[in-house]
């Protein structure tokens, strides 16, 4: 299983192997106003790998013993498509990985990556080693794998990513799924209406947001299963927990959330209402797409009293900052009952999102009548980052078992 998680992450894959297509092929698509393409703008073939080439990469990586898990070669495309931001139409982008030589209709899989802040990390920047998510591996197993960049990256990088915003999260993914269906129809690739959804960290939040958006709007997808790992589903309790600790090892996530809400919700509040100087003046430059989360963390203090305005912290603790608390409450995802199969994954050693957030989400969903929600404890993960690898060792065989039914 290590091979599966590392296959598309190894930078040398695209430097050492001649199977990468150096000559880009651009498919000229009709404009989005054409009735044939309500969502799809255009597509671009980035790379093609045959089954043998994928297996060769495994051998060169030292993981040849896992070759029995590889079922298909893959064609990798960049798609641009229509979605909305603040109720206005925009162009967004993402990656679509199409299995080769499928003998039957392939299901779609929405693969949702974790938090990124550097524009180089957008999945559709496939030529850049920083862009690899690891989710691409599902295409070698027979899933048409759809990996959105998210608003704020790729074709929409002029915008700030609407971080942990339910509506923009769910709609962006669904619109790309519809664009992918239009693309597959044009390419005459057979696909089923079955959908699998998977993500970890912010990707876990995005996964539940996508499922909730589909179920609430009764959209025409047959969701077979959703795997959601370590997302901060109850944002209110997560924020209050962090404030009680008064110390957070990754302050960039908090700054990202607050700055994104100010922009996405168009609050008429200066950044000094949230952050102390000199950080209030520097936050926009930290999130202009030039820095990774780890680099932003190096610029911010871990002690919350040194980063945030005291009145803002008190407003959360005492419940008086109603605009902020209402926003994070409306964008929380714990208080509903999914009707399809859901598994929530989390590790007890997670230092970024406490496992209690997922435990509470699981409890509330069960109390509300969710009959098909389970929780899996990631007992071997010693950190938030390690949880993703362990989670997918469970998710891959689970999804395959459902796909083959």
Protein backbone atom coordinates (compact mmCIF):
# COMPACT_ATOMS: atom_id res chain seq x y z
CA UNK A 1 0.00 0.00 0.00
CA UNK A 2 3.00 2.30 0.40
CA UNK A 3 3.47 2.13 -3.33
CA UNK A 4 -0.07 3.37 -3.90
CA UNK A 5 0.37 6.35 -1.63
CA UNK A 6 3.79 7.28 -3.01
CA UNK A 7 3.40 6.46 -6.68
CA UNK A 8 2.33 9.88 -7.85
CA UNK A 9 4.24 11.74 -5.15
CA UNK A 10 7.75 10.75 -6.26
CA UNK A 11 9.17 13.78 -8.12
CA UNK A 12 11.64 11.78 -10.17
CA UNK A 13 8.82 9.92 -11.88
CA UNK A 14 8.25 12.79 -14.27
CA UNK A 15 11.92 13.54 -14.74
CA UNK A 16 13.39 10.09 -15.31
CA UNK A 17 10.78 8.29 -17.38
CA UNK A 18 10.26 9.05 -21.04
CA UNK A 19 6.58 8.15 -20.95
CA UNK A 20 5.70 11.71 -19.95
CA UNK A 21 4.18 13.49 -22.95
CA UNK A 22 6.30 16.54 -23.62
CA UNK A 23 4.05 17.76 -26.42
CA UNK A 24 0.86 19.03 -24.85
CA UNK A 25 -2.37 18.24 -26.66
CA UNK A 26 -5.14 20.79 -26.31
CA UNK A 27 -8.71 19.81 -27.05
CA UNK A 28 -10.65 22.77 -28.39
CA UNK A 29 -14.02 22.73 -26.66
CA UNK A 30 -17.10 24.81 -27.46
CA UNK A 31 -17.66 27.78 -25.13
CA UNK A 32 -19.54 27.19 -21.89
CA UNK A 33 -22.61 28.86 -23.38
CA UNK A 34 -22.96 25.98 -25.85
CA UNK A 35 -25.83 23.73 -24.76
CA UNK A 36 -23.55 20.69 -25.08
CA UNK A 37 -21.19 22.06 -22.47
CA UNK A 38 -22.92 23.75 -19.60
CA UNK A 39 -19.94 23.33 -17.26
CA UNK A 40 -16.90 22.22 -19.29
CA UNK A 41 -14.68 24.90 -20.84
CA UNK A 42 -11.71 22.97 -22.17
CA UNK A 43 -9.36 20.07 -21.55
CA UNK A 44 -5.66 19.41 -21.97
CA UNK A 45 -3.88 16.07 -22.00
CA UNK A 46 -0.91 16.28 -19.63
CA UNK A 47 0.47 12.74 -19.51
CA UNK A 48 -0.28 9.12 -20.36
CA UNK A 49 1.04 6.04 -18.57
CA UNK A 50 0.38 2.48 -19.71
CA UNK A 51 -0.08 -0.30 -17.19
CA UNK A 52 3.44 -1.54 -17.91
CA UNK A 53 4.87 1.93 -17.43
CA UNK A 54 3.08 2.31 -14.11
CA UNK A 55 4.49 -1.04 -13.02
CA UNK A 56 7.94 -0.01 -14.21
CA UNK A 57 7.72 3.08 -12.05
CA UNK A 58 6.85 0.83 -9.13
CA UNK A 59 9.91 -1.32 -9.78
CA UNK A 60 12.19 1.71 -10.00
CA UNK A 61 10.72 3.04 -6.77
CA UNK A 62 11.39 -0.22 -4.97
CA UNK A 63 7.73 -1.19 -4.72
CA UNK A 64 7.48 -3.82 -7.41
CA UNK A 65 5.89 -6.26 -4.96
CA UNK A 66 2.75 -4.10 -5.09
CA UNK A 67 2.32 -4.38 -8.84
CA UNK A 68 -0.63 -6.76 -8.40
CA UNK A 69 -2.67 -3.76 -7.22
CA UNK A 70 -2.18 -1.89 -10.49
CA UNK A 71 -5.06 -2.63 -12.85
CA UNK A 72 -4.89 0.17 -15.43
CA UNK A 73 -2.72 2.69 -17.15
CA UNK A 74 -3.98 6.25 -16.94
CA UNK A 75 -4.49 9.36 -19.05
CA UNK A 76 -4.20 12.59 -17.06
CA UNK A 77 -6.02 15.75 -18.13
CA UNK A 78 -6.34 19.30 -16.91
CA UNK A 79 -9.94 20.57 -17.09
CA UNK A 80 -11.27 24.10 -16.79
CA UNK A 81 -14.93 24.52 -16.00
CA UNK A 82 -17.64 26.92 -14.88
CA UNK A 83 -18.59 27.41 -11.24
CA UNK A 84 -19.54 30.38 -9.08
CA UNK A 85 -17.90 32.51 -6.41
CA UNK A 86 -19.94 34.98 -4.38
CA UNK A 87 -22.83 34.29 -6.80
CA UNK A 88 -20.76 35.32 -9.83
CA UNK A 89 -19.64 32.92 -12.59
CA UNK A 90 -15.93 32.10 -12.63
CA UNK A 91 -13.62 29.61 -14.33
CA UNK A 92 -12.07 26.97 -12.11
CA UNK A 93 -9.80 24.02 -12.86
CA UNK A 94 -8.70 20.60 -11.73
CA UNK A 95 -7.20 17.26 -12.69
CA UNK A 96 -9.04 14.28 -14.18
CA UNK A 97 -7.29 10.89 -14.26
CA UNK A 98 -8.95 8.44 -16.67
CA UNK A 99 -8.15 4.71 -16.42
CA UNK A 100 -7.14 3.10 -19.69
CA UNK A 101 -8.77 0.01 -21.22
CA UNK A 102 -11.81 -0.14 -18.98
CA UNK A 103 -14.06 -3.06 -19.95
CA UNK A 104 -17.09 -1.68 -18.13
CA UNK A 105 -18.49 1.65 -17.06
CA UNK A 106 -16.15 3.27 -14.56
CA UNK A 107 -17.37 5.05 -11.43
CA UNK A 108 -16.30 8.59 -10.63
CA UNK A 109 -14.23 9.36 -7.56
CA UNK A 110 -13.91 12.88 -6.13
CA UNK A 111 -10.42 13.03 -4.60
CA UNK A 112 -10.17 16.07 -2.33
CA UNK A 113 -6.76 17.28 -1.24
CA UNK A 114 -5.75 18.86 2.04
CA UNK A 115 -4.88 22.48 2.75
CA UNK A 116 -2.56 24.21 0.29
CA UNK A 117 -1.56 27.85 0.03
CA UNK A 118 1.12 27.95 -2.69
CA UNK A 119 -0.16 28.21 -6.26
CA UNK A 120 2.41 25.63 -7.35
CA UNK A 121 0.55 23.04 -5.27
CA UNK A 122 -2.62 23.13 -7.39
CA UNK A 123 -3.21 19.54 -8.61
CA UNK A 124 -3.68 20.66 -12.21
CA UNK A 125 -0.07 21.93 -12.20
CA UNK A 126 0.75 18.29 -12.76
CA UNK A 127 4.21 18.92 -14.21
CA UNK A 128 5.28 20.44 -10.85
CA UNK A 129 6.30 17.85 -8.21
CA UNK A 130 4.69 20.05 -5.52
CA UNK A 131 1.27 19.44 -7.08
CA UNK A 132 1.02 15.69 -6.45
CA UNK A 133 -1.77 14.76 -4.06
CA UNK A 134 -1.45 10.94 -3.94
CA UNK A 135 -5.13 10.70 -4.85
CA UNK A 136 -4.18 10.13 -8.47
CA UNK A 137 -3.51 6.48 -7.61
CA UNK A 138 -7.22 5.66 -7.58
CA UNK A 139 -7.27 5.89 -11.38
CA UNK A 140 -4.94 2.88 -11.65
CA UNK A 141 -7.60 0.92 -9.73
CA UNK A 142 -10.42 1.70 -12.15
CA UNK A 143 -11.88 4.94 -10.80
CA UNK A 144 -12.21 8.04 -12.98
CA UNK A 145 -10.54 10.31 -10.45
CA UNK A 146 -11.57 13.97 -10.28
CA UNK A 147 -9.26 16.23 -8.24
CA UNK A 148 -10.41 19.88 -8.12
CA UNK A 149 -7.81 22.58 -7.56
CA UNK A 150 -10.44 24.46 -5.46
CA UNK A 151 -11.33 28.10 -5.95
CA UNK A 152 -8.23 30.22 -5.40
CA UNK A 153 -5.87 27.90 -7.28
CA UNK A 154 -5.20 27.01 -10.88
CA UNK A 155 -7.49 28.91 -13.24
CA UNK A 156 -8.99 30.94 -10.37
CA UNK A 157 -5.76 31.77 -8.54
CA UNK A 158 -6.52 35.50 -8.60
CA UNK A 159 -9.08 34.80 -5.83
CA UNK A 160 -8.45 33.91 -2.20
CA UNK A 161 -9.46 30.34 -1.50
CA UNK A 162 -12.79 30.27 0.46
CA UNK A 163 -11.33 28.08 3.20
CA UNK A 164 -13.84 25.97 5.17
CA UNK A 165 -16.82 27.53 3.42
CA UNK A 166 -19.58 24.94 2.94
CA UNK A 167 -21.36 26.31 -0.13
CA UNK A 168 -18.24 27.10 -2.15
CA UNK A 169 -16.72 23.77 -1.14
CA UNK A 170 -19.64 21.57 -2.16
CA UNK A 171 -20.65 23.44 -5.29
CA UNK A 172 -17.11 23.70 -6.67
CA UNK A 173 -16.66 19.92 -6.49
CA UNK A 174 -20.10 19.12 -7.91
CA UNK A 175 -19.64 21.53 -10.81
CA UNK A 176 -16.35 19.83 -11.70
CA UNK A 177 -18.03 16.42 -11.54
CA UNK A 178 -20.63 17.63 -14.03
CA UNK A 179 -17.90 19.12 -16.23
CA UNK A 180 -16.10 15.77 -16.08
CA UNK A 181 -19.22 13.96 -17.24
CA UNK A 182 -19.46 16.32 -20.22
CA UNK A 183 -15.78 15.72 -20.97
CA UNK A 184 -16.18 11.92 -20.79
CA UNK A 185 -19.20 11.99 -23.08
CA UNK A 186 -17.21 13.95 -25.64
CA UNK A 187 -14.31 11.48 -25.36
CA UNK A 188 -16.76 8.56 -25.55
CA UNK A 189 -15.49 7.16 -22.25
CA UNK A 190 -18.12 4.97 -20.59
CA UNK A 191 -18.88 5.93 -17.00
CA UNK A 192 -21.51 5.03 -14.45
CA UNK A 193 -23.51 7.33 -12.22
CA UNK A 194 -21.78 5.87 -9.16
CA UNK A 195 -19.71 8.29 -7.14
CA UNK A 196 -17.09 7.78 -4.44
CA UNK A 197 -15.78 10.69 -2.35
CA UNK A 198 -12.54 10.78 -0.36
CA UNK A 199 -10.44 13.40 1.38
CA UNK A 200 -8.27 14.07 4.42
CA UNK A 201 -7.82 17.23 6.54
CA UNK A 202 -9.39 20.07 4.55
CA UNK A 203 -10.12 17.33 2.03
CA UNK A 204 -12.13 15.59 4.75
CA UNK A 205 -14.17 18.75 5.26
CA UNK A 206 -14.58 19.07 1.48
CA UNK A 207 -15.73 15.44 1.27
CA UNK A 208 -18.55 15.93 3.77
CA UNK A 209 -19.42 19.31 2.23
CA UNK A 210 -19.73 17.66 -1.18
CA UNK A 211 -21.89 14.84 0.14
CA UNK A 212 -24.13 17.24 2.06
CA UNK A 213 -24.52 19.47 -1.00
CA UNK A 214 -25.49 16.47 -3.14
CA UNK A 215 -27.99 15.12 -0.61
CA UNK A 216 -29.55 18.46 0.30
CA UNK A 217 -30.08 19.36 -3.36
CA UNK A 218 -31.09 15.80 -4.37
CA UNK A 219 -28.58 15.76 -7.21
CA UNK A 220 -28.39 12.93 -9.68
CA UNK A 221 -25.41 11.06 -8.27
CA UNK A 222 -25.45 7.61 -6.71
CA UNK A 223 -23.00 8.09 -3.86
CA UNK A 224 -21.60 4.69 -3.02
CA UNK A 225 -19.34 5.78 -0.16
CA UNK A 226 -17.64 8.78 1.42
CA UNK A 227 -14.33 8.52 3.29
CA UNK A 228 -13.61 11.62 5.34
CA UNK A 229 -10.52 12.00 7.49
CA UNK A 230 -9.64 14.51 10.22
CA UNK A 231 -11.65 17.48 8.98
CA UNK A 232 -12.63 20.20 11.42
CA UNK A 233 -16.34 19.57 10.96
CA UNK A 234 -17.55 21.44 14.04
CA UNK A 235 -15.65 24.68 13.52
CA UNK A 236 -17.16 26.39 16.55
CA UNK A 237 -15.94 23.77 19.01
CA UNK A 238 -12.61 23.52 17.21
CA UNK A 239 -11.99 27.25 17.56
CA UNK A 240 -13.03 27.31 21.21
CA UNK A 241 -10.83 24.31 21.98
CA UNK A 242 -7.81 25.99 20.41
CA UNK A 243 -8.47 29.27 22.23
CA UNK A 244 -8.69 27.43 25.55
CA UNK A 245 -5.23 25.98 24.91
CA UNK A 246 -3.90 29.45 23.98
CA UNK A 247 -1.23 27.68 21.94
CA UNK A 248 -1.39 26.20 18.47
CA UNK A 249 1.44 24.58 16.55
CA UNK A 250 0.05 25.57 13.14
CA UNK A 251 -1.23 29.15 13.44
CA UNK A 252 -1.29 29.46 9.63
CA UNK A 253 -4.51 27.42 9.56
CA UNK A 254 -6.23 29.86 11.90
CA UNK A 255 -5.00 32.88 9.97
CA UNK A 256 -6.16 31.24 6.73
CA UNK A 257 -9.65 30.62 8.12
CA UNK A 258 -10.16 34.16 9.44
CA UNK A 259 -8.68 35.93 6.43
CA UNK A 260 -10.73 33.75 4.05
CA UNK A 261 -13.95 34.47 5.95
CA UNK A 262 -13.27 38.19 5.86
CA UNK A 263 -12.85 38.02 2.07
CA UNK A 264 -15.46 35.39 1.19
CA UNK A 265 -18.21 36.87 3.35
CA UNK A 266 -17.15 40.42 2.47
CA UNK A 267 -17.02 41.60 6.06
CA UNK A 268 -16.54 45.29 6.59
CA UNK A 269 -14.00 44.60 9.32
CA UNK A 270 -10.30 45.42 9.02
CA UNK A 271 -7.76 42.70 9.71
CA UNK A 272 -6.74 44.61 12.82
CA UNK A 273 -10.11 43.56 14.29
CA UNK A 274 -8.70 40.02 14.35
CA UNK A 275 -4.90 40.20 14.29
CA UNK A 276 -2.29 42.20 16.13
CA UNK A 277 0.31 44.14 14.20
CA UNK A 278 2.62 43.52 12.46
CA UNK A 279 0.68 40.39 11.47
CA UNK A 280 -2.51 42.18 10.42
CA UNK A 281 -0.59 44.05 7.75
CA UNK A 282 1.32 40.97 6.60
CA UNK A 283 -1.50 38.42 6.34
CA UNK A 284 -2.44 39.29 2.71
CA UNK A 285 1.15 38.76 1.54
CA UNK A 286 1.35 35.43 3.38
CA UNK A 287 -1.65 34.14 1.43
CA UNK A 288 -0.89 35.59 -1.99
CA UNK A 289 0.01 32.16 -3.35
CA UNK A 290 3.78 32.42 -2.95
CA UNK A 291 4.17 30.59 0.38
CA UNK A 292 3.42 27.12 1.68
CA UNK A 293 1.63 26.57 4.99
CA UNK A 294 4.89 25.49 6.62
CA UNK A 295 6.51 28.78 5.56
CA UNK A 296 3.59 30.83 6.87
CA UNK A 297 3.80 28.99 10.19
CA UNK A 298 7.37 30.21 10.51
CA UNK A 299 6.14 33.81 10.29
CA UNK A 300 3.43 33.54 12.95
CA UNK A 301 3.64 33.06 16.74
CA UNK A 302 2.15 29.90 18.23
CA UNK A 303 0.91 31.78 21.30
CA UNK A 304 -2.53 33.07 20.40
CA UNK A 305 -2.22 36.13 22.64
CA UNK A 306 0.73 37.23 20.50
CA UNK A 307 -1.16 36.80 17.23
CA UNK A 308 -4.77 37.78 17.82
CA UNK A 309 -6.52 40.88 19.04
CA UNK A 310 -7.61 40.23 22.65
CA UNK A 311 -11.13 41.50 21.97
CA UNK A 312 -11.51 38.99 19.14
CA UNK A 313 -10.42 36.08 21.35
CA UNK A 314 -12.76 37.24 24.12
CA UNK A 315 -15.60 37.60 21.63
CA UNK A 316 -15.28 33.93 20.69
CA UNK A 317 -14.83 32.71 24.26
CA UNK A 318 -17.79 34.73 25.58
CA UNK A 319 -20.01 34.39 22.52
CA UNK A 320 -20.21 38.11 21.78
CA UNK A 321 -18.54 38.10 18.34
CA UNK A 322 -21.80 37.06 16.72
CA UNK A 323 -20.80 37.63 13.09
CA UNK A 324 -17.80 35.33 13.33
CA UNK A 325 -19.55 32.71 15.45
CA UNK A 326 -22.58 32.63 13.17
CA UNK A 327 -20.32 32.21 10.15
CA UNK A 328 -18.39 29.27 11.54
CA UNK A 329 -21.60 27.73 12.84
CA UNK A 330 -23.29 27.94 9.43
CA UNK A 331 -20.24 26.37 7.79
CA UNK A 332 -19.91 23.50 10.28
CA UNK A 333 -20.84 20.05 8.98
CA UNK A 334 -21.46 17.90 12.04
CA UNK A 335 -25.15 18.65 12.61
CA UNK A 336 -26.92 16.54 9.96
CA UNK A 337 -27.63 12.91 9.05
CA UNK A 338 -26.08 11.56 5.84
CA UNK A 339 -28.19 8.90 4.15
CA UNK A 340 -25.37 7.12 2.27
CA UNK A 341 -22.32 5.20 3.48
CA UNK A 342 -19.85 7.39 5.39
CA UNK A 343 -16.71 6.49 7.30
CA UNK A 344 -14.99 9.07 9.46
CA UNK A 345 -11.28 8.55 10.13
CA UNK A 346 -9.17 10.19 12.81
CA UNK A 347 -6.12 9.53 14.96
CA UNK A 348 -5.91 10.18 18.72
CA UNK A 349 -2.46 11.79 18.36
CA UNK A 350 -3.66 14.47 15.94
CA UNK A 351 -2.15 17.81 17.04
CA UNK A 352 -3.99 19.93 14.43
CA UNK A 353 -7.59 18.76 14.75
CA UNK A 354 -8.44 16.93 18.00
CA UNK A 355 -10.08 13.54 17.55
CA UNK A 356 -12.90 14.73 19.82
CA UNK A 357 -14.14 16.83 16.88
CA UNK A 358 -14.75 13.70 14.81
CA UNK A 359 -16.10 11.74 17.79
CA UNK A 360 -18.66 14.46 18.44
CA UNK A 361 -19.57 14.60 14.73
CA UNK A 362 -20.09 10.85 14.70
CA UNK A 363 -22.24 11.01 17.85
CA UNK A 364 -24.46 13.82 16.54
CA UNK A 365 -24.94 12.15 13.17
CA UNK A 366 -25.98 8.89 14.82
CA UNK A 367 -28.37 10.72 17.15
CA UNK A 368 -29.96 12.39 14.14
CA UNK A 369 -30.65 9.01 12.58
CA UNK A 370 -27.69 8.39 10.28
CA UNK A 371 -27.74 4.60 9.91
CA UNK A 372 -24.71 4.22 7.65
CA UNK A 373 -22.06 6.33 9.39
CA UNK A 374 -19.09 4.65 11.07
CA UNK A 375 -15.88 5.88 12.66
CA UNK A 376 -12.43 4.34 12.25
CA UNK A 377 -9.62 5.20 14.70
CA UNK A 378 -6.19 5.64 13.11
CA UNK A 379 -4.24 4.03 15.93
CA UNK A 380 -0.83 3.99 14.22
CA UNK A 381 -0.72 7.67 13.24
CA UNK A 382 1.45 9.79 15.53
CA UNK A 383 0.44 13.12 14.00
CA UNK A 384 -2.12 14.82 11.79
CA UNK A 385 0.11 14.35 8.76
CA UNK A 386 0.64 10.64 9.33
CA UNK A 387 -3.09 10.00 9.51
CA UNK A 388 -3.62 10.37 5.76
CA UNK A 389 -1.39 7.44 4.88
CA UNK A 390 -3.00 5.13 7.40
CA UNK A 391 -6.50 6.23 6.38
CA UNK A 392 -5.99 5.28 2.76
CA UNK A 393 -4.74 1.81 3.65
CA UNK A 394 -8.34 1.31 4.84
CA UNK A 395 -10.07 3.31 2.12
CA UNK A 396 -8.52 1.60 -0.92
CA UNK A 397 -9.76 -1.95 -0.15
CA UNK A 398 -13.13 -0.61 1.07
CA UNK A 399 -13.76 1.34 -2.13
CA UNK A 400 -12.58 -1.58 -4.26
CA UNK A 401 -14.97 -3.95 -2.49
CA UNK A 402 -17.90 -1.63 -3.18
CA UNK A 403 -16.82 -0.95 -6.76
CA UNK A 404 -16.72 -4.67 -7.56
CA UNK A 405 -20.14 -5.49 -6.14
